[in-house]
Amino acid sequence: EPAPTDLADDFDAVVDVGRYPSSTRSAVAALPNAHWVFVSTVNVYSD
């Protein structure tokens, strides 16, 4: 769903542990001005 009105784009930083692209996409679109710390995984490596 769209970001609630009390989540204005005035955060200094965002921490995201999400795993689904649609969730990360919507959050980044709503909060593009912050520094993001994205928690990924070593499973991104093919080797």
PDB file of all heavy atoms in Angstrom:
ATOM      1  N   GLU A   1       0.847  -1.193   0.000  1.00  0.00           N
ATOM      2  CA  GLU A   1       0.000   0.000   0.000  1.00  0.00           C
ATOM      3  C   GLU A   1       0.885   1.246   0.000  1.00  0.00           C
ATOM      4  O   GLU A   1       2.068   1.192   0.340  1.00  0.00           O
ATOM      5  CB  GLU A   1      -0.896  -0.003   1.239  1.00  0.00           C
ATOM      6  CG  GLU A   1      -1.755  -1.248   1.400  1.00  0.00           C
ATOM      7  CD  GLU A   1      -2.787  -1.387   0.296  1.00  0.00           C
ATOM      8  OE1 GLU A   1      -3.191  -0.324  -0.244  1.00  0.00           O
ATOM      9  OE2 GLU A   1      -3.171  -2.523  -0.032  1.00  0.00           O
ATOM     10  N   PRO A   2       0.319   2.419  -0.365  1.00  0.00           N
ATOM     11  CA  PRO A   2       1.093   3.662  -0.286  1.00  0.00           C
ATOM     12  C   PRO A   2       1.574   3.929   1.133  1.00  0.00           C
ATOM     13  O   PRO A   2       0.959   3.485   2.110  1.00  0.00           O
ATOM     14  CB  PRO A   2       0.090   4.732  -0.755  1.00  0.00           C
ATOM     15  CG  PRO A   2      -0.924   3.978  -1.571  1.00  0.00           C
ATOM     16  CD  PRO A   2      -1.033   2.633  -0.924  1.00  0.00           C
ATOM     17  N   ALA A   3       2.677   4.641   1.263  1.00  0.00           N
ATOM     18  CA  ALA A   3       3.206   4.967   2.581  1.00  0.00           C
ATOM     19  C   ALA A   3       2.202   5.816   3.354  1.00  0.00           C
ATOM     20  O   ALA A   3       1.559   6.709   2.786  1.00  0.00           O
ATOM     21  CB  ALA A   3       4.520   5.716   2.445  1.00  0.00           C
ATOM     22  N   PRO A   4       2.027   5.547   4.649  1.00  0.00           N
ATOM     23  CA  PRO A   4       1.114   6.367   5.455  1.00  0.00           C
ATOM     24  C   PRO A   4       1.600   7.810   5.543  1.00  0.00           C
ATOM     25  O   PRO A   4       2.787   8.097   5.384  1.00  0.00           O
ATOM     26  CB  PRO A   4       1.134   5.682   6.821  1.00  0.00           C
ATOM     27  CG  PRO A   4       2.392   4.872   6.844  1.00  0.00           C
ATOM     28  CD  PRO A   4       2.669   4.488   5.435  1.00  0.00           C
ATOM     29  N   THR A   5       0.668   8.699   5.811  1.00  0.00           N
ATOM     30  CA  THR A   5       0.993  10.130   5.813  1.00  0.00           C
ATOM     31  C   THR A   5       1.995  10.498   6.899  1.00  0.00           C
ATOM     32  O   THR A   5       2.704  11.503   6.777  1.00  0.00           O
ATOM     33  CB  THR A   5      -0.286  10.959   5.997  1.00  0.00           C
ATOM     34  OG1 THR A   5      -0.957  10.530   7.197  1.00  0.00           O
ATOM     35  CG2 THR A   5      -1.221  10.767   4.813  1.00  0.00           C
ATOM     36  N   ASP A   6       2.079   9.715   7.990  1.00  0.00           N
ATOM     37  CA  ASP A   6       3.018  10.048   9.060  1.00  0.00           C
ATOM     38  C   ASP A   6       4.430   9.516   8.776  1.00  0.00           C
ATOM     39  O   ASP A   6       5.303   9.581   9.624  1.00  0.00           O
ATOM     40  CB  ASP A   6       2.532   9.537  10.424  1.00  0.00           C
ATOM     41  CG  ASP A   6       2.141   8.076  10.418  1.00  0.00           C
ATOM     42  OD1 ASP A   6       2.105   7.482   9.325  1.00  0.00           O
ATOM     43  OD2 ASP A   6       1.856   7.543  11.500  1.00  0.00           O
ATOM     44  N   LEU A   7       4.656   9.000   7.565  1.00  0.00           N
ATOM     45  CA  LEU A   7       6.001   8.614   7.156  1.00  0.00           C
ATOM     46  C   LEU A   7       6.490   9.587   6.083  1.00  0.00           C
ATOM     47  O   LEU A   7       6.707   9.229   4.923  1.00  0.00           O
ATOM     48  CB  LEU A   7       6.028   7.185   6.614  1.00  0.00           C
ATOM     49  CG  LEU A   7       6.146   6.052   7.631  1.00  0.00           C
ATOM     50  CD1 LEU A   7       6.316   4.721   6.918  1.00  0.00           C
ATOM     51  CD2 LEU A   7       7.306   6.267   8.579  1.00  0.00           C
ATOM     52  N   ALA A   8       6.636  10.831   6.451  1.00  0.00           N
ATOM     53  CA  ALA A   8       7.140  11.832   5.516  1.00  0.00           C
ATOM     54  C   ALA A   8       8.593  11.523   5.157  1.00  0.00           C
ATOM     55  O   ALA A   8       9.317  10.899   5.937  1.00  0.00           O
ATOM     56  CB  ALA A   8       7.024  13.221   6.134  1.00  0.00           C
ATOM     57  N   ASP A   9       9.014  11.994   3.990  1.00  0.00           N
ATOM     58  CA  ASP A   9      10.364  11.702   3.506  1.00  0.00           C
ATOM     59  C   ASP A   9      11.383  12.650   4.138  1.00  0.00           C
ATOM     60  O   ASP A   9      12.034  13.445   3.458  1.00  0.00           O
ATOM     61  CB  ASP A   9      10.392  11.818   1.982  1.00  0.00           C
ATOM     62  CG  ASP A   9      11.732  11.397   1.403  1.00  0.00           C
ATOM     63  OD1 ASP A   9      12.454  10.647   2.085  1.00  0.00           O
ATOM     64  OD2 ASP A   9      12.062  11.837   0.291  1.00  0.00           O
ATOM     65  N   ASP A  10      11.504  12.557   5.464  1.00  0.00           N
ATOM     66  CA  ASP A  10      12.472  13.416   6.158  1.00  0.00           C
ATOM     67  C   ASP A  10      13.382  12.628   7.081  1.00  0.00           C
ATOM     68  O   ASP A  10      13.954  13.174   8.015  1.00  0.00           O
ATOM     69  CB  ASP A  10      11.746  14.516   6.932  1.00  0.00           C
ATOM     70  CG  ASP A  10      10.822  13.971   8.011  1.00  0.00           C
ATOM     71  OD1 ASP A  10      10.611  12.736   8.060  1.00  0.00           O
ATOM     72  OD2 ASP A  10      10.304  14.774   8.819  1.00  0.00           O
ATOM     73  N   PHE A  11      13.513  11.331   6.817  1.00  0.00           N
ATOM     74  CA  PHE A  11      14.408  10.505   7.617  1.00  0.00           C
ATOM     75  C   PHE A  11      15.845  10.683   7.137  1.00  0.00           C
ATOM     76  O   PHE A  11      16.106  10.805   5.946  1.00  0.00           O
ATOM     77  CB  PHE A  11      14.015   9.029   7.530  1.00  0.00           C
ATOM     78  CG  PHE A  11      12.735   8.704   8.246  1.00  0.00           C
ATOM     79  CD1 PHE A  11      11.532   8.666   7.555  1.00  0.00           C
ATOM     80  CD2 PHE A  11      12.735   8.464   9.612  1.00  0.00           C
ATOM     81  CE1 PHE A  11      10.347   8.375   8.221  1.00  0.00           C
ATOM     82  CE2 PHE A  11      11.555   8.171  10.277  1.00  0.00           C
ATOM     83  CZ  PHE A  11      10.355   8.128   9.586  1.00  0.00           C
ATOM     84  N   ASP A  12      16.753  10.691   8.080  1.00  0.00           N
ATOM     85  CA  ASP A  12      18.179  10.745   7.719  1.00  0.00           C
ATOM     86  C   ASP A  12      18.647   9.426   7.127  1.00  0.00           C
ATOM     87  O   ASP A  12      19.498   9.399   6.230  1.00  0.00           O
ATOM     88  CB  ASP A  12      19.019  11.077   8.956  1.00  0.00           C
ATOM     89  CG  ASP A  12      18.668  12.427   9.541  1.00  0.00           C
ATOM     90  OD1 ASP A  12      18.812  13.429   8.823  1.00  0.00           O
ATOM     91  OD2 ASP A  12      18.231  12.471  10.703  1.00  0.00           O
ATOM     92  N   ALA A  13      18.102   8.320   7.652  1.00  0.00           N
ATOM     93  CA  ALA A  13      18.538   7.000   7.194  1.00  0.00           C
ATOM     94  C   ALA A  13      17.396   6.003   7.308  1.00  0.00           C
ATOM     95  O   ALA A  13      16.494   6.158   8.147  1.00  0.00           O
ATOM     96  CB  ALA A  13      19.742   6.519   7.997  1.00  0.00           C
ATOM     97  N   VAL A  14      17.461   4.985   6.462  1.00  0.00           N
ATOM     98  CA  VAL A  14      16.491   3.880   6.466  1.00  0.00           C
ATOM     99  C   VAL A  14      17.271   2.581   6.518  1.00  0.00           C
ATOM    100  O   VAL A  14      18.280   2.417   5.812  1.00  0.00           O
ATOM    101  CB  VAL A  14      15.608   3.905   5.198  1.00  0.00           C
ATOM    102  CG1 VAL A  14      14.672   2.698   5.179  1.00  0.00           C
ATOM    103  CG2 VAL A  14      14.816   5.195   5.104  1.00  0.00           C
ATOM    104  N   VAL A  15      16.817   1.649   7.345  1.00  0.00           N
ATOM    105  CA  VAL A  15      17.373   0.297   7.368  1.00  0.00           C
ATOM    106  C   VAL A  15      16.304  -0.656   6.871  1.00  0.00           C
ATOM    107  O   VAL A  15      15.181  -0.668   7.393  1.00  0.00           O
ATOM    108  CB  VAL A  15      17.828  -0.111   8.779  1.00  0.00           C
ATOM    109  CG1 VAL A  15      18.277  -1.578   8.797  1.00  0.00           C
ATOM    110  CG2 VAL A  15      18.960   0.789   9.257  1.00  0.00           C
ATOM    111  N   ASP A  16      16.643  -1.442   5.861  1.00  0.00           N
ATOM    112  CA  ASP A  16      15.676  -2.348   5.241  1.00  0.00           C
ATOM    113  C   ASP A  16      16.248  -3.759   5.222  1.00  0.00           C
ATOM    114  O   ASP A  16      17.361  -3.978   4.729  1.00  0.00           O
ATOM    115  CB  ASP A  16      15.371  -1.881   3.816  1.00  0.00           C
ATOM    116  CG  ASP A  16      14.273  -2.702   3.133  1.00  0.00           C
ATOM    117  OD1 ASP A  16      13.606  -3.501   3.823  1.00  0.00           O
ATOM    118  OD2 ASP A  16      14.086  -2.533   1.919  1.00  0.00           O
ATOM    119  N   VAL A  17      15.489  -4.710   5.753  1.00  0.00           N
ATOM    120  CA  VAL A  17      15.897  -6.114   5.714  1.00  0.00           C
ATOM    121  C   VAL A  17      15.031  -6.907   4.736  1.00  0.00           C
ATOM    122  O   VAL A  17      15.010  -8.133   4.762  1.00  0.00           O
ATOM    123  CB  VAL A  17      15.828  -6.763   7.121  1.00  0.00           C
ATOM    124  CG1 VAL A  17      16.752  -6.061   8.083  1.00  0.00           C
ATOM    125  CG2 VAL A  17      14.387  -6.744   7.660  1.00  0.00           C
ATOM    126  N   GLY A  18      14.309  -6.217   3.869  1.00  0.00           N
ATOM    127  CA  GLY A  18      13.341  -6.857   2.986  1.00  0.00           C
ATOM    128  C   GLY A  18      13.960  -7.824   1.993  1.00  0.00           C
ATOM    129  O   GLY A  18      15.139  -7.746   1.655  1.00  0.00           O
ATOM    130  N   ARG A  19      13.113  -8.717   1.489  1.00  0.00           N
ATOM    131  CA  ARG A  19      13.574  -9.727   0.531  1.00  0.00           C
ATOM    132  C   ARG A  19      12.810  -9.699  -0.774  1.00  0.00           C
ATOM    133  O   ARG A  19      13.219 -10.338  -1.743  1.00  0.00           O
ATOM    134  CB  ARG A  19      13.453 -11.119   1.150  1.00  0.00           C
ATOM    135  CG  ARG A  19      12.040 -11.508   1.536  1.00  0.00           C
ATOM    136  CD  ARG A  19      11.999 -12.855   2.232  1.00  0.00           C
ATOM    137  NE  ARG A  19      12.747 -12.852   3.471  1.00  0.00           N
ATOM    138  CZ  ARG A  19      12.885 -13.909   4.271  1.00  0.00           C
ATOM    139  NH1 ARG A  19      12.308 -15.055   3.931  1.00  0.00           N
ATOM    140  NH2 ARG A  19      13.574 -13.827   5.383  1.00  0.00           N
ATOM    141  N   TYR A  20      11.703  -8.957  -0.819  1.00  0.00           N
ATOM    142  CA  TYR A  20      10.887  -8.929  -2.025  1.00  0.00           C
ATOM    143  C   TYR A  20      11.098  -7.619  -2.783  1.00  0.00           C
ATOM    144  O   TYR A  20      10.981  -6.534  -2.208  1.00  0.00           O
ATOM    145  CB  TYR A  20       9.417  -9.119  -1.684  1.00  0.00           C
ATOM    146  CG  TYR A  20       9.130 -10.493  -1.124  1.00  0.00           C
ATOM    147  CD1 TYR A  20       8.811 -10.675   0.217  1.00  0.00           C
ATOM    148  CD2 TYR A  20       9.213 -11.612  -1.946  1.00  0.00           C
ATOM    149  CE1 TYR A  20       8.577 -11.935   0.735  1.00  0.00           C
ATOM    150  CE2 TYR A  20       8.973 -12.884  -1.441  1.00  0.00           C
ATOM    151  CZ  TYR A  20       8.660 -13.041  -0.103  1.00  0.00           C
ATOM    152  OH  TYR A  20       8.433 -14.296   0.403  1.00  0.00           O
ATOM    153  N   PRO A  21      11.414  -7.689  -4.078  1.00  0.00           N
ATOM    154  CA  PRO A  21      11.678  -6.471  -4.850  1.00  0.00           C
ATOM    155  C   PRO A  21      10.546  -5.452  -4.799  1.00  0.00           C
ATOM    156  O   PRO A  21      10.804  -4.249  -4.738  1.00  0.00           O
ATOM    157  CB  PRO A  21      11.895  -7.010  -6.266  1.00  0.00           C
ATOM    158  CG  PRO A  21      12.424  -8.392  -6.068  1.00  0.00           C
ATOM    159  CD  PRO A  21      11.691  -8.911  -4.867  1.00  0.00           C
ATOM    160  N   SER A  22       9.299  -5.901  -4.840  1.00  0.00           N
ATOM    161  CA  SER A  22       8.192  -4.938  -4.847  1.00  0.00           C
ATOM    162  C   SER A  22       8.175  -4.119  -3.564  1.00  0.00           C
ATOM    163  O   SER A  22       7.893  -2.906  -3.594  1.00  0.00           O
ATOM    164  CB  SER A  22       6.855  -5.666  -5.019  1.00  0.00           C
ATOM    165  OG  SER A  22       6.550  -6.460  -3.879  1.00  0.00           O
ATOM    166  N   SER A  23       8.493  -4.743  -2.431  1.00  0.00           N
ATOM    167  CA  SER A  23       8.492  -4.031  -1.151  1.00  0.00           C
ATOM    168  C   SER A  23       9.616  -3.001  -1.101  1.00  0.00           C
ATOM    169  O   SER A  23       9.413  -1.865  -0.668  1.00  0.00           O
ATOM    170  CB  SER A  23       8.640  -5.024   0.002  1.00  0.00           C
ATOM    171  OG  SER A  23       7.549  -5.897   0.065  1.00  0.00           O
ATOM    172  N   THR A  24      10.809  -3.403  -1.535  1.00  0.00           N
ATOM    173  CA  THR A  24      11.928  -2.465  -1.544  1.00  0.00           C
ATOM    174  C   THR A  24      11.681  -1.344  -2.547  1.00  0.00           C
ATOM    175  O   THR A  24      11.969  -0.173  -2.278  1.00  0.00           O
ATOM    176  CB  THR A  24      13.232  -3.209  -1.875  1.00  0.00           C
ATOM    177  OG1 THR A  24      13.478  -4.180  -0.846  1.00  0.00           O
ATOM    178  CG2 THR A  24      14.412  -2.256  -1.952  1.00  0.00           C
ATOM    179  N   ARG A  25      11.124  -1.683  -3.688  1.00  0.00           N
ATOM    180  CA  ARG A  25      10.845  -0.679  -4.717  1.00  0.00           C
ATOM    181  C   ARG A  25       9.890   0.391  -4.197  1.00  0.00           C
ATOM    182  O   ARG A  25      10.119   1.596  -4.379  1.00  0.00           O
ATOM    183  CB  ARG A  25      10.266  -1.370  -5.952  1.00  0.00           C
ATOM    184  CG  ARG A  25      10.181  -0.494  -7.192  1.00  0.00           C
ATOM    185  CD  ARG A  25       9.682  -1.298  -8.380  1.00  0.00           C
ATOM    186  NE  ARG A  25      10.582  -2.379  -8.741  1.00  0.00           N
ATOM    187  CZ  ARG A  25      10.279  -3.673  -8.657  1.00  0.00           C
ATOM    188  NH1 ARG A  25       9.101  -4.062  -8.195  1.00  0.00           N
ATOM    189  NH2 ARG A  25      11.157  -4.589  -9.012  1.00  0.00           N
ATOM    190  N   SER A  26       8.812  -0.030  -3.526  1.00  0.00           N
ATOM    191  CA  SER A  26       7.827   0.935  -3.037  1.00  0.00           C
ATOM    192  C   SER A  26       8.404   1.801  -1.924  1.00  0.00           C
ATOM    193  O   SER A  26       8.120   3.004  -1.846  1.00  0.00           O
ATOM    194  CB  SER A  26       6.571   0.208  -2.545  1.00  0.00           C
ATOM    195  OG  SER A  26       6.857  -0.610  -1.419  1.00  0.00           O
ATOM    196  N   ALA A  27       9.247   1.211  -1.067  1.00  0.00           N
ATOM    197  CA  ALA A  27       9.815   1.973   0.039  1.00  0.00           C
ATOM    198  C   ALA A  27      10.835   2.994  -0.455  1.00  0.00           C
ATOM    199  O   ALA A  27      10.857   4.143   0.007  1.00  0.00           O
ATOM    200  CB  ALA A  27      10.459   1.027   1.049  1.00  0.00           C
ATOM    201  N   VAL A  28      11.687   2.584  -1.395  1.00  0.00           N
ATOM    202  CA  VAL A  28      12.670   3.521  -1.935  1.00  0.00           C
ATOM    203  C   VAL A  28      11.975   4.666  -2.664  1.00  0.00           C
ATOM    204  O   VAL A  28      12.373   5.833  -2.557  1.00  0.00           O
ATOM    205  CB  VAL A  28      13.664   2.794  -2.866  1.00  0.00           C
ATOM    206  CG1 VAL A  28      14.550   3.797  -3.607  1.00  0.00           C
ATOM    207  CG2 VAL A  28      14.534   1.832  -2.064  1.00  0.00           C
ATOM    208  N   ALA A  29      10.920   4.350  -3.382  1.00  0.00           N
ATOM    209  CA  ALA A  29      10.180   5.395  -4.091  1.00  0.00           C
ATOM    210  C   ALA A  29       9.554   6.392  -3.121  1.00  0.00           C
ATOM    211  O   ALA A  29       9.466   7.589  -3.415  1.00  0.00           O
ATOM    212  CB  ALA A  29       9.103   4.758  -4.966  1.00  0.00           C
ATOM    213  N   ALA A  30       9.132   5.903  -1.946  1.00  0.00           N
ATOM    214  CA  ALA A  30       8.504   6.792  -0.970  1.00  0.00           C
ATOM    215  C   ALA A  30       9.524   7.576  -0.154  1.00  0.00           C
ATOM    216  O   ALA A  30       9.207   8.659   0.356  1.00  0.00           O
ATOM    217  CB  ALA A  30       7.624   5.966  -0.026  1.00  0.00           C
ATOM    218  N   LEU A  31      10.760   7.048  -0.047  1.00  0.00           N
ATOM    219  CA  LEU A  31      11.767   7.652   0.836  1.00  0.00           C
ATOM    220  C   LEU A  31      13.117   7.754   0.118  1.00  0.00           C
ATOM    221  O   LEU A  31      14.114   7.178   0.564  1.00  0.00           O
ATOM    222  CB  LEU A  31      11.902   6.809   2.108  1.00  0.00           C
ATOM    223  CG  LEU A  31      10.604   6.589   2.905  1.00  0.00           C
ATOM    224  CD1 LEU A  31      10.714   5.356   3.787  1.00  0.00           C
ATOM    225  CD2 LEU A  31      10.284   7.820   3.730  1.00  0.00           C
ATOM    226  N   PRO A  32      13.197   8.490  -0.981  1.00  0.00           N
ATOM    227  CA  PRO A  32      14.419   8.504  -1.786  1.00  0.00           C
ATOM    228  C   PRO A  32      15.520   9.400  -1.247  1.00  0.00           C
ATOM    229  O   PRO A  32      16.657   9.297  -1.708  1.00  0.00           O
ATOM    230  CB  PRO A  32      13.921   9.035  -3.129  1.00  0.00           C
ATOM    231  CG  PRO A  32      12.796   9.953  -2.768  1.00  0.00           C
ATOM    232  CD  PRO A  32      12.118   9.312  -1.585  1.00  0.00           C
ATOM    233  N   ASN A  33      15.222  10.264  -0.293  1.00  0.00           N
ATOM    234  CA  ASN A  33      16.201  11.266   0.129  1.00  0.00           C
ATOM    235  C   ASN A  33      17.074  10.828   1.300  1.00  0.00           C
ATOM    236  O   ASN A  33      17.976  11.561   1.704  1.00  0.00           O
ATOM    237  CB  ASN A  33      15.495  12.575   0.486  1.00  0.00           C
ATOM    238  CG  ASN A  33      14.837  13.201  -0.735  1.00  0.00           C
ATOM    239  OD1 ASN A  33      15.413  13.229  -1.815  1.00  0.00           O
ATOM    240  ND2 ASN A  33      13.605  13.674  -0.568  1.00  0.00           N
ATOM    241  N   ALA A  34      16.796   9.648   1.840  1.00  0.00           N
ATOM    242  CA  ALA A  34      17.556   9.148   2.981  1.00  0.00           C
ATOM    243  C   ALA A  34      18.761   8.336   2.529  1.00  0.00           C
ATOM    244  O   ALA A  34      18.846   7.881   1.381  1.00  0.00           O
ATOM    245  CB  ALA A  34      16.664   8.283   3.866  1.00  0.00           C
ATOM    246  N   HIS A  35      19.703   8.154   3.465  1.00  0.00           N
ATOM    247  CA  HIS A  35      20.752   7.151   3.270  1.00  0.00           C
ATOM    248  C   HIS A  35      20.163   5.797   3.614  1.00  0.00           C
ATOM    249  O   HIS A  35      19.558   5.621   4.681  1.00  0.00           O
ATOM    250  CB  HIS A  35      21.949   7.426   4.175  1.00  0.00           C
ATOM    251  CG  HIS A  35      23.006   6.373   4.065  1.00  0.00           C
ATOM    252  ND1 HIS A  35      23.910   6.335   3.034  1.00  0.00           N
ATOM    253  CD2 HIS A  35      23.289   5.284   4.853  1.00  0.00           C
ATOM    254  CE1 HIS A  35      24.711   5.288   3.175  1.00  0.00           C
ATOM    255  NE2 HIS A  35      24.348   4.632   4.265  1.00  0.00           N
ATOM    256  N   TRP A  36      20.320   4.833   2.724  1.00  0.00           N
ATOM    257  CA  TRP A  36      19.758   3.505   2.939  1.00  0.00           C
ATOM    258  C   TRP A  36      20.848   2.522   3.352  1.00  0.00           C
ATOM    259  O   TRP A  36      21.943   2.514   2.770  1.00  0.00           O
ATOM    260  CB  TRP A  36      19.095   2.986   1.655  1.00  0.00           C
ATOM    261  CG  TRP A  36      17.697   3.506   1.495  1.00  0.00           C
ATOM    262  CD1 TRP A  36      17.319   4.804   1.292  1.00  0.00           C
ATOM    263  CD2 TRP A  36      16.494   2.736   1.540  1.00  0.00           C
ATOM    264  NE1 TRP A  36      15.956   4.889   1.205  1.00  0.00           N
ATOM    265  CE2 TRP A  36      15.419   3.638   1.354  1.00  0.00           C
ATOM    266  CE3 TRP A  36      16.222   1.382   1.711  1.00  0.00           C
ATOM    267  CZ2 TRP A  36      14.098   3.223   1.346  1.00  0.00           C
ATOM    268  CZ3 TRP A  36      14.900   0.967   1.692  1.00  0.00           C
ATOM    269  CH2 TRP A  36      13.849   1.883   1.519  1.00  0.00           C
ATOM    270  N   VAL A  37      20.537   1.714   4.367  1.00  0.00           N
ATOM    271  CA  VAL A  37      21.356   0.549   4.689  1.00  0.00           C
ATOM    272  C   VAL A  37      20.500  -0.668   4.364  1.00  0.00           C
ATOM    273  O   VAL A  37      19.514  -0.947   5.057  1.00  0.00           O
ATOM    274  CB  VAL A  37      21.799   0.520   6.164  1.00  0.00           C
ATOM    275  CG1 VAL A  37      22.688  -0.697   6.416  1.00  0.00           C
ATOM    276  CG2 VAL A  37      22.534   1.799   6.538  1.00  0.00           C
ATOM    277  N   PHE A  38      20.857  -1.340   3.292  1.00  0.00           N
ATOM    278  CA  PHE A  38      20.082  -2.504   2.876  1.00  0.00           C
ATOM    279  C   PHE A  38      20.780  -3.775   3.324  1.00  0.00           C
ATOM    280  O   PHE A  38      21.957  -3.991   3.016  1.00  0.00           O
ATOM    281  CB  PHE A  38      19.883  -2.543   1.364  1.00  0.00           C
ATOM    282  CG  PHE A  38      19.038  -3.713   0.930  1.00  0.00           C
ATOM    283  CD1 PHE A  38      17.683  -3.725   1.187  1.00  0.00           C
ATOM    284  CD2 PHE A  38      19.617  -4.821   0.323  1.00  0.00           C
ATOM    285  CE1 PHE A  38      16.899  -4.819   0.835  1.00  0.00           C
ATOM    286  CE2 PHE A  38      18.848  -5.915  -0.036  1.00  0.00           C
ATOM    287  CZ  PHE A  38      17.475  -5.909   0.219  1.00  0.00           C
ATOM    288  N   VAL A  39      20.058  -4.609   4.058  1.00  0.00           N
ATOM    289  CA  VAL A  39      20.604  -5.878   4.551  1.00  0.00           C
ATOM    290  C   VAL A  39      20.287  -6.955   3.514  1.00  0.00           C
ATOM    291  O   VAL A  39      19.146  -7.378   3.364  1.00  0.00           O
ATOM    292  CB  VAL A  39      20.025  -6.243   5.920  1.00  0.00           C
ATOM    293  CG1 VAL A  39      20.627  -7.567   6.404  1.00  0.00           C
ATOM    294  CG2 VAL A  39      20.298  -5.132   6.930  1.00  0.00           C
ATOM    295  N   SER A  40      21.303  -7.375   2.799  1.00  0.00           N
ATOM    296  CA  SER A  40      21.158  -8.373   1.749  1.00  0.00           C
ATOM    297  C   SER A  40      21.573  -9.739   2.305  1.00  0.00           C
ATOM    298  O   SER A  40      21.211 -10.091   3.432  1.00  0.00           O
ATOM    299  CB  SER A  40      21.989  -7.955   0.536  1.00  0.00           C
ATOM    300  OG  SER A  40      21.757  -8.813  -0.554  1.00  0.00           O
ATOM    301  N   THR A  41      22.360 -10.497   1.567  1.00  0.00           N
ATOM    302  CA  THR A  41      22.748 -11.846   1.977  1.00  0.00           C
ATOM    303  C   THR A  41      23.924 -12.322   1.130  1.00  0.00           C
ATOM    304  O   THR A  41      24.080 -11.905  -0.034  1.00  0.00           O
ATOM    305  CB  THR A  41      21.579 -12.836   1.784  1.00  0.00           C
ATOM    306  OG1 THR A  41      22.032 -14.178   1.986  1.00  0.00           O
ATOM    307  CG2 THR A  41      20.987 -12.748   0.382  1.00  0.00           C
ATOM    308  N   VAL A  42      24.757 -13.206   1.677  1.00  0.00           N
ATOM    309  CA  VAL A  42      25.829 -13.802   0.871  1.00  0.00           C
ATOM    310  C   VAL A  42      25.258 -14.722  -0.194  1.00  0.00           C
ATOM    311  O   VAL A  42      25.988 -15.142  -1.106  1.00  0.00           O
ATOM    312  CB  VAL A  42      26.840 -14.577   1.753  1.00  0.00           C
ATOM    313  CG1 VAL A  42      27.584 -13.634   2.693  1.00  0.00           C
ATOM    314  CG2 VAL A  42      26.163 -15.713   2.522  1.00  0.00           C
ATOM    315  N   ASN A  43      23.957 -15.026  -0.118  1.00  0.00           N
ATOM    316  CA  ASN A  43      23.327 -15.843  -1.155  1.00  0.00           C
ATOM    317  C   ASN A  43      23.207 -15.120  -2.493  1.00  0.00           C
ATOM    318  O   ASN A  43      22.774 -15.718  -3.482  1.00  0.00           O
ATOM    319  CB  ASN A  43      21.942 -16.311  -0.702  1.00  0.00           C
ATOM    320  CG  ASN A  43      21.999 -17.263   0.468  1.00  0.00           C
ATOM    321  OD1 ASN A  43      21.730 -16.887   1.598  1.00  0.00           O
ATOM    322  ND2 ASN A  43      22.365 -18.507   0.204  1.00  0.00           N
ATOM    323  N   VAL A  44      23.599 -13.840  -2.536  1.00  0.00           N
ATOM    324  CA  VAL A  44      23.611 -13.149  -3.838  1.00  0.00           C
ATOM    325  C   VAL A  44      24.758 -13.639  -4.710  1.00  0.00           C
ATOM    326  O   VAL A  44      24.743 -13.453  -5.925  1.00  0.00           O
ATOM    327  CB  VAL A  44      23.703 -11.616  -3.680  1.00  0.00           C
ATOM    328  CG1 VAL A  44      22.508 -11.077  -2.907  1.00  0.00           C
ATOM    329  CG2 VAL A  44      25.016 -11.188  -3.032  1.00  0.00           C
ATOM    330  N   TYR A  45      25.771 -14.281  -4.115  1.00  0.00           N
ATOM    331  CA  TYR A  45      26.924 -14.741  -4.884  1.00  0.00           C
ATOM    332  C   TYR A  45      26.609 -16.070  -5.579  1.00  0.00           C
ATOM    333  O   TYR A  45      26.108 -17.006  -4.953  1.00  0.00           O
ATOM    334  CB  TYR A  45      28.134 -14.918  -3.976  1.00  0.00           C
ATOM    335  CG  TYR A  45      28.596 -13.644  -3.316  1.00  0.00           C
ATOM    336  CD1 TYR A  45      28.596 -13.510  -1.932  1.00  0.00           C
ATOM    337  CD2 TYR A  45      29.037 -12.564  -4.074  1.00  0.00           C
ATOM    338  CE1 TYR A  45      29.030 -12.342  -1.318  1.00  0.00           C
ATOM    339  CE2 TYR A  45      29.462 -11.390  -3.474  1.00  0.00           C
ATOM    340  CZ  TYR A  45      29.450 -11.285  -2.094  1.00  0.00           C
ATOM    341  OH  TYR A  45      29.867 -10.122  -1.500  1.00  0.00           O
ATOM    342  N   SER A  46      26.945 -16.125  -6.861  1.00  0.00           N
ATOM    343  CA  SER A  46      26.710 -17.369  -7.603  1.00  0.00           C
ATOM    344  C   SER A  46      27.809 -18.388  -7.365  1.00  0.00           C
ATOM    345  O   SER A  46      27.618 -19.583  -7.583  1.00  0.00           O
ATOM    346  CB  SER A  46      26.582 -17.079  -9.104  1.00  0.00           C
ATOM    347  OG  SER A  46      27.745 -16.449  -9.608  1.00  0.00           O
ATOM    348  N   ASP A  47      28.984 -17.932  -6.913  1.00  0.00           N
ATOM    349  CA  ASP A  47      30.102 -18.827  -6.606  1.00  0.00           C
ATOM    350  C   ASP A  47      30.125 -19.067  -5.098  1.00  0.00           C
ATOM    351  O   ASP A  47      30.445 -18.176  -4.325  1.00  0.00           O
ATOM    352  CB  ASP A  47      31.413 -18.190  -7.058  1.00  0.00           C
ATOM    353  CG  ASP A  47      32.632 -19.068  -6.772  1.00  0.00           C
ATOM    354  OD1 ASP A  47      32.466 -20.137  -6.152  1.00  0.00           O
ATOM    355  OD2 ASP A  47      33.753 -18.673  -7.150  1.00  0.00           O
TER     356      ASP A  47
END
